[in-house]
Amino acid sequence: MFLCEASAVEEDAEFAGTGHMTAVQAGEVARKAGVKRLLLTHIWPFYDEDTLLAECLTTFDACEIVGEGGRYSV
């Protein structure tokens, strides 16, 4: 399992800047690392979570958005 921040959508990658990733980038890192599950967190509140998830799914299949108060088994 990989818990990773995904602060922005791809079109705002430059805005996100150094130290933050897009959902696509998070998926690419998860794929390269060979993890089985990716949990996305630290999403900026003005982004639609469904859009971020859809973008992540273009690079990694087993991803989901972390929910407040959610519980995740390792």
C-alpha atoms as a PDB file:
ATOM      1  CA  MET A   1       0.000   0.000   0.000  1.00  0.00           C
ATOM      2  CA  PHE A   2       1.217   3.484  -0.869  1.00  0.00           C
ATOM      3  CA  LEU A   3      -0.278   6.566   0.780  1.00  0.00           C
ATOM      4  CA  CYS A   4       0.556   9.525  -1.442  1.00  0.00           C
ATOM      5  CA  GLU A   5      -0.455  13.136  -1.773  1.00  0.00           C
ATOM      6  CA  ALA A   6      -2.085  14.133  -5.035  1.00  0.00           C
ATOM      7  CA  SER A   7      -2.572  17.856  -4.751  1.00  0.00           C
ATOM      8  CA  ALA A   8      -3.628  18.798  -8.262  1.00  0.00           C
ATOM      9  CA  VAL A   9      -5.038  17.827 -11.629  1.00  0.00           C
ATOM     10  CA  GLU A  10      -2.630  17.395 -14.516  1.00  0.00           C
ATOM     11  CA  GLU A  11      -3.437  20.705 -16.204  1.00  0.00           C
ATOM     12  CA  ASP A  12      -2.257  22.476 -13.026  1.00  0.00           C
ATOM     13  CA  ALA A  13       1.014  20.527 -12.656  1.00  0.00           C
ATOM     14  CA  GLU A  14       3.125  23.645 -13.005  1.00  0.00           C
ATOM     15  CA  PHE A  15       0.997  25.480 -10.434  1.00  0.00           C
ATOM     16  CA  ALA A  16       1.389  22.592  -7.968  1.00  0.00           C
ATOM     17  CA  GLY A  17       5.142  23.059  -8.265  1.00  0.00           C
ATOM     18  CA  THR A  18       7.956  21.392  -6.466  1.00  0.00           C
ATOM     19  CA  GLY A  19       6.946  19.288  -3.503  1.00  0.00           C
ATOM     20  CA  HIS A  20       3.467  18.419  -4.739  1.00  0.00           C
ATOM     21  CA  MET A  21       2.252  15.865  -7.253  1.00  0.00           C
ATOM     22  CA  THR A  22      -0.681  15.509  -9.557  1.00  0.00           C
ATOM     23  CA  ALA A  23      -2.872  12.414  -9.392  1.00  0.00           C
ATOM     24  CA  VAL A  24      -1.276  11.188 -12.633  1.00  0.00           C
ATOM     25  CA  GLN A  25       2.205  11.542 -11.130  1.00  0.00           C
ATOM     26  CA  ALA A  26       1.133   9.691  -7.977  1.00  0.00           C
ATOM     27  CA  GLY A  27      -0.148   6.841 -10.146  1.00  0.00           C
ATOM     28  CA  GLU A  28       3.104   6.722 -12.099  1.00  0.00           C
ATOM     29  CA  VAL A  29       5.148   6.497  -8.892  1.00  0.00           C
ATOM     30  CA  ALA A  30       2.882   3.732  -7.560  1.00  0.00           C
ATOM     31  CA  ARG A  31       3.209   1.766 -10.808  1.00  0.00           C
ATOM     32  CA  LYS A  32       7.003   2.100 -10.865  1.00  0.00           C
ATOM     33  CA  ALA A  33       7.226   1.102  -7.196  1.00  0.00           C
ATOM     34  CA  GLY A  34       5.184  -2.033  -7.847  1.00  0.00           C
ATOM     35  CA  VAL A  35       2.664  -1.415  -5.082  1.00  0.00           C
ATOM     36  CA  LYS A  36      -0.699  -3.156  -5.080  1.00  0.00           C
ATOM     37  CA  ARG A  37      -2.835  -0.283  -3.780  1.00  0.00           C
ATOM     38  CA  LEU A  38      -2.594   3.508  -3.900  1.00  0.00           C
ATOM     39  CA  LEU A  39      -4.414   5.812  -1.487  1.00  0.00           C
ATOM     40  CA  LEU A  40      -4.555   9.452  -2.555  1.00  0.00           C
ATOM     41  CA  THR A  41      -4.528  12.156   0.088  1.00  0.00           C
ATOM     42  CA  HIS A  42      -3.744  15.876   0.560  1.00  0.00           C
ATOM     43  CA  ILE A  43      -6.116  16.878  -2.229  1.00  0.00           C
ATOM     44  CA  TRP A  44      -6.649  20.607  -2.516  1.00  0.00           C
ATOM     45  CA  PRO A  45     -10.301  21.344  -1.660  1.00  0.00           C
ATOM     46  CA  PHE A  46     -11.139  23.191  -4.873  1.00  0.00           C
ATOM     47  CA  TYR A  47     -10.563  20.063  -6.991  1.00  0.00           C
ATOM     48  CA  ASP A  48     -13.251  17.518  -7.757  1.00  0.00           C
ATOM     49  CA  GLU A  49     -12.183  14.187  -6.256  1.00  0.00           C
ATOM     50  CA  ASP A  50     -13.803  12.201  -9.088  1.00  0.00           C
ATOM     51  CA  THR A  51     -11.681  14.097 -11.624  1.00  0.00           C
ATOM     52  CA  LEU A  52      -8.485  13.405  -9.669  1.00  0.00           C
ATOM     53  CA  LEU A  53      -9.382   9.736  -9.344  1.00  0.00           C
ATOM     54  CA  ALA A  54     -10.127   9.453 -13.064  1.00  0.00           C
ATOM     55  CA  GLU A  55      -6.763  11.020 -13.894  1.00  0.00           C
ATOM     56  CA  CYS A  56      -4.936   8.681 -11.530  1.00  0.00           C
ATOM     57  CA  LEU A  57      -6.657   5.672 -13.088  1.00  0.00           C
ATOM     58  CA  THR A  58      -4.958   6.496 -16.400  1.00  0.00           C
ATOM     59  CA  THR A  59      -1.636   5.460 -14.847  1.00  0.00           C
ATOM     60  CA  PHE A  60      -2.557   3.076 -11.996  1.00  0.00           C
ATOM     61  CA  ASP A  61      -5.616   0.826 -11.637  1.00  0.00           C
ATOM     62  CA  ALA A  62      -5.859   0.227  -7.892  1.00  0.00           C
ATOM     63  CA  CYS A  63      -6.242   3.741  -6.540  1.00  0.00           C
ATOM     64  CA  GLU A  64      -8.773   5.408  -4.297  1.00  0.00           C
ATOM     65  CA  ILE A  65      -9.281   8.684  -2.471  1.00  0.00           C
ATOM     66  CA  VAL A  66      -8.681   8.618   1.279  1.00  0.00           C
ATOM     67  CA  GLY A  67     -11.862   9.503   3.109  1.00  0.00           C
ATOM     68  CA  GLU A  68     -11.945  11.498   6.310  1.00  0.00           C
ATOM     69  CA  GLY A  69     -12.262   9.055   9.180  1.00  0.00           C
ATOM     70  CA  GLY A  70     -11.672   6.127   6.828  1.00  0.00           C
ATOM     71  CA  ARG A  71      -9.939   2.954   7.984  1.00  0.00           C
ATOM     72  CA  TYR A  72      -7.552   1.084   5.751  1.00  0.00           C
ATOM     73  CA  SER A  73      -6.033  -2.351   6.345  1.00  0.00           C
ATOM     74  CA  VAL A  74      -2.381  -2.941   5.594  1.00  0.00           C
END
